[in-house]
């Protein structure tokens, strides 16, 4: 009886792992166009980033980017806020969980998904006109990928020689802002957990309209 109870979840886990393996093969085959690069399940761009130990890091959806056709209007306050932090000596970094690529099953669909995701972040970078480092965890959320928050793979990539050619980021001098904070209205607390695992000071999205959160 007990063995049967565990059989269903185990089969589901194996199916998820198999699907993730096949999707990752497709993801690996699809080229990322500069300034974008890939590392495992992570898409990233950092060619124009400021160097330094102080990092102002942000989630993307519902933190910096407020969705919909009118997102430029709802995010109109963001460029000035990021520019202020950049002028204060912070490097501005985005850490985002996305799941679209991990759900694709054909090369054509994967190519279209990667193109759409990178274009969306490129559009935001052009909107802000501030040097940005952007890291996108692209695996599905049910496979435990090391890059997906609250795991710290994206931060570790930020600290690698590929993305930090000068002074390494210092968590004690840095902070992270996200909307998944474990509040009653939040779907989860992955942003808060991500910050805690790294020893980063954590703020909710209210930080972007005030100095506290």
N, C-alpha and C. Protein backbone atom coordinates (compact mmCIF):
# COMPACT_ATOMS: atom_id res chain seq x y z
N UNK A 1 0.83 -1.19 0.00
CA UNK A 1 0.00 0.00 0.00
C UNK A 1 0.87 1.25 0.00
N UNK A 2 1.88 1.25 0.88
CA UNK A 2 2.76 2.41 0.98
C UNK A 2 3.57 2.59 -0.30
N UNK A 3 4.05 1.48 -0.89
CA UNK A 3 4.81 1.54 -2.14
C UNK A 3 3.95 2.11 -3.26
N UNK A 4 2.68 1.69 -3.29
CA UNK A 4 1.78 2.19 -4.33
C UNK A 4 1.54 3.68 -4.18
N UNK A 5 1.50 4.15 -2.94
CA UNK A 5 1.27 5.58 -2.70
C UNK A 5 2.40 6.43 -3.25
N UNK A 6 3.63 5.90 -3.23
CA UNK A 6 4.77 6.66 -3.73
C UNK A 6 4.99 6.48 -5.23
N UNK A 7 4.36 5.45 -5.82
CA UNK A 7 4.62 5.14 -7.23
C UNK A 7 4.17 6.26 -8.15
N UNK A 8 2.98 6.82 -7.87
CA UNK A 8 2.47 7.90 -8.73
C UNK A 8 3.37 9.11 -8.77
N UNK A 9 3.72 9.70 -7.62
CA UNK A 9 4.62 10.85 -7.62
C UNK A 9 5.98 10.55 -8.24
N UNK A 10 6.47 9.33 -8.04
CA UNK A 10 7.78 8.98 -8.61
C UNK A 10 7.71 8.93 -10.13
N UNK A 11 6.63 8.35 -10.67
CA UNK A 11 6.46 8.32 -12.12
C UNK A 11 6.36 9.73 -12.68
N UNK A 12 5.63 10.60 -11.98
CA UNK A 12 5.50 11.99 -12.44
C UNK A 12 6.85 12.68 -12.45
N UNK A 13 7.65 12.44 -11.41
CA UNK A 13 8.98 13.04 -11.34
C UNK A 13 9.86 12.58 -12.50
N UNK A 14 9.80 11.27 -12.79
CA UNK A 14 10.60 10.73 -13.90
C UNK A 14 10.15 11.32 -15.23
N UNK A 15 8.84 11.49 -15.41
CA UNK A 15 8.34 12.11 -16.65
C UNK A 15 8.83 13.54 -16.76
N UNK A 16 8.80 14.27 -15.66
CA UNK A 16 9.29 15.65 -15.67
C UNK A 16 10.76 15.71 -16.03
N UNK A 17 11.54 14.80 -15.45
CA UNK A 17 12.98 14.78 -15.72
C UNK A 17 13.26 14.43 -17.18
N UNK A 18 12.52 13.45 -17.72
CA UNK A 18 12.70 13.08 -19.12
C UNK A 18 12.33 14.24 -20.04
N UNK A 19 11.21 14.89 -19.74
CA UNK A 19 10.79 16.03 -20.55
C UNK A 19 11.79 17.17 -20.47
N UNK A 20 12.33 17.40 -19.28
CA UNK A 20 13.33 18.45 -19.11
C UNK A 20 14.59 18.14 -19.91
N UNK A 21 15.00 16.88 -19.91
CA UNK A 21 16.21 16.48 -20.64
C UNK A 21 16.03 16.73 -22.14
N UNK A 22 14.87 16.36 -22.67
CA UNK A 22 14.62 16.56 -24.10
C UNK A 22 14.54 18.05 -24.44
N UNK A 23 13.89 18.83 -23.58
CA UNK A 23 13.79 20.27 -23.82
C UNK A 23 15.16 20.93 -23.75
N UNK A 24 16.01 20.48 -22.82
CA UNK A 24 17.34 21.06 -22.70
C UNK A 24 18.17 20.78 -23.94
N UNK A 25 18.00 19.60 -24.55
CA UNK A 25 18.71 19.30 -25.79
C UNK A 25 18.30 20.28 -26.89
N UNK A 26 17.00 20.56 -26.98
CA UNK A 26 16.52 21.54 -27.96
C UNK A 26 17.06 22.93 -27.65
N UNK A 27 17.03 23.30 -26.38
CA UNK A 27 17.52 24.61 -25.95
C UNK A 27 18.99 24.78 -26.31
N UNK A 28 19.77 23.72 -26.14
CA UNK A 28 21.20 23.76 -26.47
C UNK A 28 21.42 23.93 -27.96
N UNK A 29 20.55 23.35 -28.77
CA UNK A 29 20.70 23.41 -30.22
C UNK A 29 20.34 24.77 -30.82
N UNK A 30 19.52 25.53 -30.10
CA UNK A 30 19.07 26.82 -30.63
C UNK A 30 20.09 27.90 -30.28
N UNK A 31 20.64 28.61 -31.25
CA UNK A 31 21.65 29.62 -30.94
C UNK A 31 21.04 30.84 -30.26
N UNK A 32 21.79 31.41 -29.34
CA UNK A 32 21.42 32.69 -28.74
C UNK A 32 22.19 33.78 -29.47
N UNK A 33 21.50 34.77 -29.96
CA UNK A 33 22.15 35.82 -30.73
C UNK A 33 22.72 36.88 -29.80
N UNK A 34 23.97 37.34 -30.08
CA UNK A 34 24.56 38.39 -29.26
C UNK A 34 23.62 39.59 -29.17
N UNK A 35 23.53 40.21 -28.00
CA UNK A 35 24.42 40.07 -26.84
C UNK A 35 24.07 38.94 -25.87
N UNK A 36 23.24 37.98 -26.30
CA UNK A 36 22.79 36.92 -25.42
C UNK A 36 23.67 35.68 -25.52
N UNK A 37 23.82 35.01 -24.38
CA UNK A 37 24.59 33.77 -24.30
C UNK A 37 23.82 32.77 -23.45
N UNK A 38 24.26 31.53 -23.46
CA UNK A 38 23.58 30.48 -22.70
C UNK A 38 24.58 29.73 -21.83
N UNK A 39 24.11 29.35 -20.66
CA UNK A 39 24.86 28.48 -19.75
C UNK A 39 23.84 27.54 -19.12
N UNK A 40 23.88 26.25 -19.50
CA UNK A 40 22.84 25.35 -19.03
C UNK A 40 21.48 25.88 -19.43
N UNK A 41 20.56 25.97 -18.45
CA UNK A 41 19.22 26.48 -18.70
C UNK A 41 19.14 27.99 -18.53
N UNK A 42 20.23 28.69 -18.51
CA UNK A 42 20.20 30.14 -18.28
C UNK A 42 20.56 30.91 -19.54
N UNK A 43 19.74 31.89 -19.88
CA UNK A 43 20.05 32.89 -20.89
C UNK A 43 20.58 34.12 -20.16
N UNK A 44 21.64 34.73 -20.69
CA UNK A 44 22.15 35.93 -20.01
C UNK A 44 22.81 36.89 -20.99
N UNK A 45 22.79 38.17 -20.62
CA UNK A 45 23.52 39.22 -21.34
C UNK A 45 24.16 40.14 -20.32
N UNK A 46 25.42 40.50 -20.54
CA UNK A 46 26.11 41.34 -19.56
C UNK A 46 27.22 42.15 -20.20
N UNK A 47 27.15 42.37 -21.50
CA UNK A 47 28.27 42.98 -22.20
C UNK A 47 28.49 44.45 -21.85
N UNK A 48 27.45 45.14 -21.43
CA UNK A 48 27.60 46.57 -21.16
C UNK A 48 27.46 46.89 -19.67
N UNK A 49 27.75 45.91 -18.83
CA UNK A 49 27.50 46.08 -17.40
C UNK A 49 28.60 46.86 -16.70
N UNK A 50 28.19 47.64 -15.71
CA UNK A 50 29.16 48.29 -14.84
C UNK A 50 29.77 47.26 -13.92
N UNK A 51 31.05 47.43 -13.60
CA UNK A 51 31.71 46.54 -12.65
C UNK A 51 31.58 47.12 -11.24
N UNK A 52 31.78 46.28 -10.24
CA UNK A 52 31.74 46.76 -8.88
C UNK A 52 31.14 45.76 -7.93
N UNK A 53 31.38 45.98 -6.63
CA UNK A 53 30.93 45.05 -5.60
C UNK A 53 29.47 45.26 -5.21
N UNK A 54 28.94 46.45 -5.47
CA UNK A 54 27.57 46.77 -5.05
C UNK A 54 26.60 46.41 -6.17
N UNK A 55 25.63 45.57 -5.84
CA UNK A 55 24.66 45.11 -6.82
C UNK A 55 23.25 45.48 -6.36
N UNK A 56 22.51 46.12 -7.24
CA UNK A 56 21.08 46.34 -7.05
C UNK A 56 20.38 45.35 -7.97
N UNK A 57 19.84 44.28 -7.40
CA UNK A 57 19.28 43.18 -8.19
C UNK A 57 17.76 43.18 -8.09
N UNK A 58 17.12 42.76 -9.19
CA UNK A 58 15.67 42.83 -9.28
C UNK A 58 15.08 41.61 -9.97
N UNK A 59 13.91 41.20 -9.50
CA UNK A 59 13.05 40.32 -10.26
C UNK A 59 12.51 41.14 -11.44
N UNK A 60 11.90 40.49 -12.40
CA UNK A 60 11.42 41.21 -13.59
C UNK A 60 9.91 41.40 -13.60
N UNK A 61 9.16 40.33 -13.83
CA UNK A 61 7.71 40.45 -13.96
C UNK A 61 7.05 40.89 -12.66
N UNK A 62 6.22 41.91 -12.77
CA UNK A 62 5.48 42.50 -11.65
C UNK A 62 6.38 43.20 -10.64
N UNK A 63 7.65 43.35 -10.98
CA UNK A 63 8.57 44.14 -10.17
C UNK A 63 9.08 45.31 -10.99
N UNK A 64 9.73 45.01 -12.11
CA UNK A 64 10.17 46.05 -13.04
C UNK A 64 9.21 46.21 -14.21
N UNK A 65 8.68 45.11 -14.66
CA UNK A 65 7.83 45.08 -15.86
C UNK A 65 6.42 44.69 -15.45
N UNK A 66 5.47 45.59 -15.73
CA UNK A 66 4.11 45.37 -15.25
C UNK A 66 3.17 44.96 -16.38
N UNK A 67 3.66 44.13 -17.28
CA UNK A 67 2.85 43.41 -18.26
C UNK A 67 1.87 44.21 -19.07
N UNK A 68 1.21 43.53 -20.00
CA UNK A 68 0.17 44.13 -20.80
C UNK A 68 0.69 45.06 -21.88
N UNK A 69 -0.22 45.51 -22.73
CA UNK A 69 0.14 46.38 -23.84
C UNK A 69 0.65 47.74 -23.37
N UNK A 70 0.19 48.17 -22.19
CA UNK A 70 0.56 49.50 -21.69
C UNK A 70 1.67 49.43 -20.66
N UNK A 71 2.57 48.44 -20.77
CA UNK A 71 3.59 48.26 -19.73
C UNK A 71 4.51 49.46 -19.61
N UNK A 72 4.77 50.16 -20.71
CA UNK A 72 5.65 51.34 -20.62
C UNK A 72 5.04 52.42 -19.73
N UNK A 73 3.73 52.51 -19.74
CA UNK A 73 3.05 53.47 -18.88
C UNK A 73 3.11 53.03 -17.42
N UNK A 74 2.80 51.77 -17.16
CA UNK A 74 2.80 51.29 -15.77
C UNK A 74 4.21 51.16 -15.20
N UNK A 75 5.22 51.09 -16.07
CA UNK A 75 6.62 51.02 -15.62
C UNK A 75 7.36 52.33 -15.86
N UNK A 76 6.63 53.42 -16.04
CA UNK A 76 7.26 54.69 -16.41
C UNK A 76 8.23 55.21 -15.35
N UNK A 77 8.01 54.83 -14.09
CA UNK A 77 8.88 55.29 -13.01
C UNK A 77 10.18 54.50 -12.90
N UNK A 78 10.28 53.39 -13.61
CA UNK A 78 11.41 52.48 -13.42
C UNK A 78 12.73 53.02 -13.97
N UNK A 79 12.80 53.55 -15.21
CA UNK A 79 14.10 54.00 -15.72
C UNK A 79 14.78 55.02 -14.82
N UNK A 80 14.04 55.99 -14.31
CA UNK A 80 14.64 57.00 -13.44
C UNK A 80 15.18 56.40 -12.15
N UNK A 81 14.45 55.44 -11.60
CA UNK A 81 14.88 54.80 -10.36
C UNK A 81 16.16 53.99 -10.58
N UNK A 82 16.21 53.25 -11.68
CA UNK A 82 17.41 52.47 -11.98
C UNK A 82 18.59 53.37 -12.31
N UNK A 83 18.32 54.46 -13.01
CA UNK A 83 19.40 55.40 -13.34
C UNK A 83 19.99 56.00 -12.06
N UNK A 84 19.14 56.31 -11.10
CA UNK A 84 19.61 56.85 -9.82
C UNK A 84 20.54 55.85 -9.13
N UNK A 85 20.15 54.59 -9.10
CA UNK A 85 20.99 53.57 -8.46
C UNK A 85 22.30 53.38 -9.21
N UNK A 86 22.24 53.43 -10.53
CA UNK A 86 23.46 53.33 -11.34
C UNK A 86 24.41 54.48 -11.01
N UNK A 87 23.88 55.68 -10.88
CA UNK A 87 24.71 56.85 -10.57
C UNK A 87 25.27 56.77 -9.15
N UNK A 88 24.60 56.03 -8.27
CA UNK A 88 25.11 55.83 -6.91
C UNK A 88 26.19 54.75 -6.85
N UNK A 89 26.48 54.12 -7.98
CA UNK A 89 27.57 53.15 -8.04
C UNK A 89 27.17 51.69 -8.02
N UNK A 90 25.87 51.42 -8.11
CA UNK A 90 25.41 50.04 -8.17
C UNK A 90 25.45 49.52 -9.60
N UNK A 91 25.76 48.23 -9.76
CA UNK A 91 25.46 47.63 -11.05
C UNK A 91 24.06 47.04 -10.97
N UNK A 92 23.31 47.23 -12.02
CA UNK A 92 21.90 46.85 -12.05
C UNK A 92 21.78 45.48 -12.70
N UNK A 93 21.18 44.54 -11.96
CA UNK A 93 21.10 43.15 -12.41
C UNK A 93 19.66 42.67 -12.31
N UNK A 94 19.21 41.94 -13.32
CA UNK A 94 17.88 41.33 -13.31
C UNK A 94 18.03 39.82 -13.23
N UNK A 95 17.31 39.21 -12.30
CA UNK A 95 17.24 37.75 -12.18
C UNK A 95 15.78 37.34 -12.37
N UNK A 96 15.49 36.63 -13.44
CA UNK A 96 14.09 36.31 -13.75
C UNK A 96 13.89 34.82 -13.98
N UNK A 97 12.86 34.25 -13.37
CA UNK A 97 12.41 32.90 -13.69
C UNK A 97 11.40 32.97 -14.83
N UNK A 98 11.67 32.28 -15.91
CA UNK A 98 10.72 32.10 -17.01
C UNK A 98 10.59 30.60 -17.24
N UNK A 99 9.48 30.16 -17.80
CA UNK A 99 9.30 28.72 -17.97
C UNK A 99 8.98 28.30 -19.39
N UNK A 100 8.77 29.25 -20.28
CA UNK A 100 8.37 28.93 -21.65
C UNK A 100 9.29 27.96 -22.38
N UNK A 101 10.62 28.23 -22.41
CA UNK A 101 11.51 27.31 -23.13
C UNK A 101 11.45 25.87 -22.61
N UNK A 102 11.31 25.71 -21.31
CA UNK A 102 11.28 24.37 -20.74
C UNK A 102 10.07 23.56 -21.13
N UNK A 103 9.06 24.20 -21.71
CA UNK A 103 7.84 23.51 -22.11
C UNK A 103 7.81 23.15 -23.60
N UNK A 104 8.82 23.57 -24.34
CA UNK A 104 8.80 23.36 -25.79
C UNK A 104 9.24 21.94 -26.16
N UNK A 105 8.70 21.44 -27.28
CA UNK A 105 8.99 20.07 -27.69
C UNK A 105 9.48 19.97 -29.14
N UNK A 106 9.60 21.09 -29.84
CA UNK A 106 10.17 21.08 -31.19
C UNK A 106 11.22 22.18 -31.28
N UNK A 107 12.16 22.01 -32.20
CA UNK A 107 13.21 23.00 -32.39
C UNK A 107 12.62 24.35 -32.82
N UNK A 108 11.61 24.30 -33.70
CA UNK A 108 11.00 25.54 -34.18
C UNK A 108 10.33 26.30 -33.05
N UNK A 109 9.60 25.57 -32.20
CA UNK A 109 8.93 26.21 -31.07
C UNK A 109 9.94 26.77 -30.08
N UNK A 110 11.02 26.03 -29.84
CA UNK A 110 12.06 26.50 -28.93
C UNK A 110 12.72 27.77 -29.48
N UNK A 111 13.02 27.77 -30.76
CA UNK A 111 13.66 28.94 -31.37
C UNK A 111 12.77 30.17 -31.24
N UNK A 112 11.47 29.99 -31.49
CA UNK A 112 10.54 31.10 -31.37
C UNK A 112 10.44 31.60 -29.94
N UNK A 113 10.42 30.67 -28.98
CA UNK A 113 10.31 31.05 -27.57
C UNK A 113 11.54 31.82 -27.10
N UNK A 114 12.73 31.34 -27.46
CA UNK A 114 13.96 32.03 -27.08
C UNK A 114 14.01 33.41 -27.72
N UNK A 115 13.61 33.50 -28.97
CA UNK A 115 13.58 34.79 -29.66
C UNK A 115 12.63 35.76 -28.96
N UNK A 116 11.45 35.28 -28.59
CA UNK A 116 10.46 36.15 -27.95
C UNK A 116 10.93 36.63 -26.57
N UNK A 117 11.53 35.73 -25.80
CA UNK A 117 11.99 36.10 -24.46
C UNK A 117 13.12 37.12 -24.54
N UNK A 118 14.11 36.86 -25.38
CA UNK A 118 15.24 37.80 -25.46
C UNK A 118 14.78 39.14 -26.01
N UNK A 119 13.85 39.14 -26.95
CA UNK A 119 13.34 40.40 -27.50
C UNK A 119 12.62 41.20 -26.42
N UNK A 120 11.90 40.51 -25.55
CA UNK A 120 11.16 41.19 -24.47
C UNK A 120 12.11 41.89 -23.51
N UNK A 121 13.19 41.22 -23.15
CA UNK A 121 14.17 41.84 -22.25
C UNK A 121 14.98 42.91 -22.96
N UNK A 122 15.29 42.71 -24.24
CA UNK A 122 16.00 43.74 -25.00
C UNK A 122 15.16 45.01 -25.10
N UNK A 123 13.87 44.83 -25.31
CA UNK A 123 12.95 45.97 -25.38
C UNK A 123 12.97 46.74 -24.06
N UNK A 124 12.97 46.01 -22.95
CA UNK A 124 13.01 46.67 -21.65
C UNK A 124 14.33 47.39 -21.44
N UNK A 125 15.45 46.78 -21.84
CA UNK A 125 16.75 47.42 -21.69
C UNK A 125 16.82 48.72 -22.50
N UNK A 126 16.26 48.72 -23.70
CA UNK A 126 16.22 49.94 -24.52
C UNK A 126 15.35 51.00 -23.87
N UNK A 127 14.28 50.57 -23.24
CA UNK A 127 13.37 51.48 -22.54
C UNK A 127 14.07 52.16 -21.37
N UNK A 128 14.90 51.43 -20.64
CA UNK A 128 15.54 51.97 -19.44
C UNK A 128 16.78 52.80 -19.75
N UNK A 129 17.53 52.42 -20.78
CA UNK A 129 18.77 53.13 -21.15
C UNK A 129 19.74 53.23 -19.98
N UNK A 130 19.86 52.14 -19.28
CA UNK A 130 20.80 52.00 -18.16
C UNK A 130 21.57 50.70 -18.38
N UNK A 131 22.87 50.65 -18.11
CA UNK A 131 23.60 49.39 -18.26
C UNK A 131 22.97 48.30 -17.38
N UNK A 132 22.66 47.17 -17.99
CA UNK A 132 21.99 46.08 -17.29
C UNK A 132 22.72 44.76 -17.51
N UNK A 133 22.76 43.94 -16.48
CA UNK A 133 23.09 42.53 -16.63
C UNK A 133 21.79 41.77 -16.40
N UNK A 134 21.46 40.87 -17.33
CA UNK A 134 20.17 40.17 -17.29
C UNK A 134 20.40 38.67 -17.31
N UNK A 135 19.78 37.98 -16.35
CA UNK A 135 19.89 36.52 -16.25
C UNK A 135 18.48 35.94 -16.23
N UNK A 136 18.22 35.00 -17.12
CA UNK A 136 16.89 34.41 -17.26
C UNK A 136 16.98 32.90 -17.09
N UNK A 137 16.40 32.38 -16.03
CA UNK A 137 16.32 30.93 -15.81
C UNK A 137 15.15 30.41 -16.64
N UNK A 138 15.44 29.52 -17.59
CA UNK A 138 14.45 29.16 -18.61
C UNK A 138 13.82 27.79 -18.45
N UNK A 139 14.25 27.01 -17.45
CA UNK A 139 13.67 25.67 -17.25
C UNK A 139 12.28 25.77 -16.62
N UNK A 140 11.51 24.70 -16.74
CA UNK A 140 10.23 24.63 -16.04
C UNK A 140 10.45 24.66 -14.54
N UNK A 141 9.42 25.06 -13.83
CA UNK A 141 9.55 25.19 -12.39
C UNK A 141 9.47 23.90 -11.61
N UNK A 142 9.14 22.78 -12.27
CA UNK A 142 8.93 21.52 -11.55
C UNK A 142 10.10 20.55 -11.69
N UNK A 143 11.27 21.04 -12.13
CA UNK A 143 12.40 20.13 -12.34
C UNK A 143 13.59 20.45 -11.44
N UNK A 144 13.47 21.47 -10.59
CA UNK A 144 14.53 21.76 -9.63
C UNK A 144 15.83 22.23 -10.25
N UNK A 145 15.74 22.98 -11.35
CA UNK A 145 16.96 23.44 -12.02
C UNK A 145 17.75 24.40 -11.13
N UNK A 146 19.08 24.30 -11.19
CA UNK A 146 19.96 25.08 -10.31
C UNK A 146 19.88 26.58 -10.58
N UNK A 147 19.45 26.97 -11.78
CA UNK A 147 19.38 28.39 -12.10
C UNK A 147 18.08 29.04 -11.64
N UNK A 148 17.04 28.26 -11.43
CA UNK A 148 15.76 28.86 -11.07
C UNK A 148 15.75 29.29 -9.60
N UNK A 149 15.32 30.52 -9.36
CA UNK A 149 15.14 30.96 -7.98
C UNK A 149 14.12 30.06 -7.29
N UNK A 150 14.30 29.72 -6.02
CA UNK A 150 15.25 30.32 -5.08
C UNK A 150 16.67 29.77 -5.13
N UNK A 151 16.95 28.82 -6.04
CA UNK A 151 18.34 28.36 -6.19
C UNK A 151 19.22 29.52 -6.66
N UNK A 152 20.49 29.42 -6.43
CA UNK A 152 21.36 30.59 -6.58
C UNK A 152 22.28 30.51 -7.81
N UNK A 153 21.93 29.65 -8.77
CA UNK A 153 22.78 29.49 -9.94
C UNK A 153 22.98 30.76 -10.74
N UNK A 154 21.96 31.61 -10.84
CA UNK A 154 22.12 32.85 -11.60
C UNK A 154 23.10 33.79 -10.92
N UNK A 155 23.05 33.86 -9.59
CA UNK A 155 24.02 34.69 -8.87
C UNK A 155 25.44 34.15 -9.05
N UNK A 156 25.58 32.84 -9.00
CA UNK A 156 26.90 32.24 -9.20
C UNK A 156 27.44 32.54 -10.59
N UNK A 157 26.57 32.56 -11.59
CA UNK A 157 27.00 32.93 -12.94
C UNK A 157 27.41 34.39 -12.98
N UNK A 158 26.67 35.26 -12.29
CA UNK A 158 27.05 36.67 -12.19
C UNK A 158 28.46 36.81 -11.63
N UNK A 159 28.81 35.98 -10.68
CA UNK A 159 30.12 36.07 -10.02
C UNK A 159 31.23 35.39 -10.81
N UNK A 160 30.90 34.72 -11.90
CA UNK A 160 31.91 34.02 -12.69
C UNK A 160 32.72 35.01 -13.53
N UNK A 161 33.83 34.55 -14.06
CA UNK A 161 34.70 35.41 -14.86
C UNK A 161 34.03 35.87 -16.14
N UNK A 162 32.99 35.17 -16.58
CA UNK A 162 32.27 35.56 -17.79
C UNK A 162 31.46 36.83 -17.58
N UNK A 163 31.08 37.10 -16.34
CA UNK A 163 30.17 38.21 -16.06
C UNK A 163 30.72 39.22 -15.07
N UNK A 164 31.81 38.91 -14.40
CA UNK A 164 32.43 39.83 -13.44
C UNK A 164 33.92 39.86 -13.71
N UNK A 165 34.32 40.77 -14.57
CA UNK A 165 35.72 40.83 -14.97
C UNK A 165 36.57 41.63 -13.99
N UNK A 166 35.92 42.38 -13.11
CA UNK A 166 36.64 43.16 -12.12
C UNK A 166 36.31 42.69 -10.72
N UNK A 167 35.87 43.62 -9.89
CA UNK A 167 35.52 43.30 -8.51
C UNK A 167 34.29 42.39 -8.46
N UNK A 168 34.35 41.36 -7.64
CA UNK A 168 33.22 40.45 -7.49
C UNK A 168 32.09 41.11 -6.70
N UNK A 169 30.84 40.75 -6.99
CA UNK A 169 29.72 41.25 -6.19
C UNK A 169 29.87 40.85 -4.73
N UNK A 170 29.49 41.75 -3.85
CA UNK A 170 29.55 41.50 -2.41
C UNK A 170 28.13 41.52 -1.85
N UNK A 171 27.60 40.37 -1.40
CA UNK A 171 26.24 40.35 -0.87
C UNK A 171 26.01 41.34 0.26
N UNK A 172 27.03 41.59 1.06
CA UNK A 172 26.88 42.50 2.20
C UNK A 172 26.64 43.94 1.76
N UNK A 173 27.02 44.27 0.52
CA UNK A 173 26.87 45.62 -0.01
C UNK A 173 25.73 45.71 -1.02
N UNK A 174 24.98 44.64 -1.16
CA UNK A 174 24.00 44.54 -2.23
C UNK A 174 22.60 44.27 -1.69
N UNK A 175 21.62 44.34 -2.58
CA UNK A 175 20.24 44.04 -2.18
C UNK A 175 19.48 43.45 -3.37
N UNK A 176 18.32 42.88 -3.04
CA UNK A 176 17.48 42.25 -4.07
C UNK A 176 16.03 42.66 -3.86
N UNK A 177 15.35 42.97 -4.96
CA UNK A 177 13.96 43.42 -4.93
C UNK A 177 13.10 42.45 -5.72
N UNK A 178 12.02 41.95 -5.11
CA UNK A 178 11.13 41.04 -5.82
C UNK A 178 9.73 41.05 -5.25
N UNK A 179 8.78 40.56 -6.02
CA UNK A 179 7.38 40.59 -5.58
C UNK A 179 6.90 39.27 -5.00
N UNK A 180 7.70 38.21 -5.11
CA UNK A 180 7.30 36.91 -4.53
C UNK A 180 7.90 36.81 -3.13
N UNK A 181 7.17 37.36 -2.17
CA UNK A 181 7.72 37.54 -0.83
C UNK A 181 7.01 36.73 0.24
N UNK A 182 6.06 35.88 -0.16
CA UNK A 182 5.36 35.07 0.82
C UNK A 182 4.21 35.78 1.50
N UNK A 183 3.76 36.90 0.94
CA UNK A 183 2.60 37.58 1.50
C UNK A 183 1.33 36.83 1.10
N UNK A 184 0.22 37.16 1.73
CA UNK A 184 -1.03 36.44 1.45
C UNK A 184 -1.43 36.52 -0.01
N UNK A 185 -1.08 37.62 -0.67
CA UNK A 185 -1.46 37.81 -2.07
C UNK A 185 -0.41 37.27 -3.05
N UNK A 186 0.71 36.77 -2.54
CA UNK A 186 1.78 36.25 -3.39
C UNK A 186 1.58 34.76 -3.67
N UNK A 187 2.00 34.33 -4.85
CA UNK A 187 1.90 32.92 -5.18
C UNK A 187 2.91 32.07 -4.44
N UNK A 188 4.05 32.66 -4.07
CA UNK A 188 5.12 31.93 -3.38
C UNK A 188 6.07 32.94 -2.76
N UNK A 189 7.19 32.47 -2.24
CA UNK A 189 8.17 33.37 -1.62
C UNK A 189 9.56 33.15 -2.20
N UNK A 190 9.64 32.79 -3.49
CA UNK A 190 10.95 32.44 -4.05
C UNK A 190 11.92 33.62 -4.06
N UNK A 191 11.41 34.84 -4.21
CA UNK A 191 12.31 35.99 -4.20
C UNK A 191 12.90 36.22 -2.81
N UNK A 192 12.06 36.13 -1.81
CA UNK A 192 12.57 36.29 -0.44
C UNK A 192 13.57 35.18 -0.11
N UNK A 193 13.25 33.94 -0.49
CA UNK A 193 14.17 32.82 -0.24
C UNK A 193 15.50 33.02 -0.96
N UNK A 194 15.44 33.47 -2.20
CA UNK A 194 16.65 33.72 -3.00
C UNK A 194 17.56 34.70 -2.28
N UNK A 195 16.99 35.80 -1.81
CA UNK A 195 17.78 36.80 -1.09
C UNK A 195 18.36 36.22 0.19
N UNK A 196 17.57 35.47 0.93
CA UNK A 196 18.04 34.90 2.19
C UNK A 196 19.19 33.93 1.98
N UNK A 197 19.11 33.11 0.95
CA UNK A 197 20.17 32.14 0.68
C UNK A 197 21.50 32.83 0.36
N UNK A 198 21.42 34.02 -0.20
CA UNK A 198 22.64 34.74 -0.60
C UNK A 198 23.09 35.75 0.44
N UNK A 199 22.28 35.99 1.46
CA UNK A 199 22.62 37.00 2.45
C UNK A 199 22.42 38.41 1.93
N UNK A 200 21.49 38.58 0.99
CA UNK A 200 21.18 39.89 0.44
C UNK A 200 20.05 40.54 1.23
N UNK A 201 20.14 41.84 1.42
CA UNK A 201 19.00 42.57 1.98
C UNK A 201 17.85 42.47 0.99
N UNK A 202 16.64 42.23 1.50
CA UNK A 202 15.49 42.01 0.61
C UNK A 202 14.46 43.12 0.76
N UNK A 203 13.94 43.56 -0.38
CA UNK A 203 12.84 44.52 -0.43
C UNK A 203 11.77 43.98 -1.37
N UNK A 204 10.51 44.34 -1.11
CA UNK A 204 9.45 44.05 -2.06
C UNK A 204 9.47 45.11 -3.15
N UNK A 205 8.57 44.94 -4.13
CA UNK A 205 8.52 45.86 -5.26
C UNK A 205 8.21 47.30 -4.85
N UNK A 206 7.69 47.50 -3.63
CA UNK A 206 7.42 48.85 -3.15
C UNK A 206 8.69 49.69 -3.06
N UNK A 207 9.84 49.05 -3.01
CA UNK A 207 11.12 49.77 -2.99
C UNK A 207 11.24 50.73 -4.15
N UNK A 208 10.64 50.39 -5.27
CA UNK A 208 10.80 51.19 -6.48
C UNK A 208 9.98 52.47 -6.47
N UNK A 209 9.07 52.57 -5.52
CA UNK A 209 8.32 53.81 -5.38
C UNK A 209 8.57 54.50 -4.05
N UNK A 210 9.37 53.85 -3.20
CA UNK A 210 9.72 54.45 -1.91
C UNK A 210 11.06 53.88 -1.48
N UNK A 211 11.61 54.39 -0.41
CA UNK A 211 12.89 53.91 0.10
C UNK A 211 12.73 52.74 1.05
N UNK A 212 11.52 52.34 1.31
CA UNK A 212 11.31 51.21 2.21
C UNK A 212 10.37 50.20 1.60
N UNK A 213 10.30 49.01 2.23
CA UNK A 213 9.39 47.98 1.74
C UNK A 213 9.19 46.95 2.84
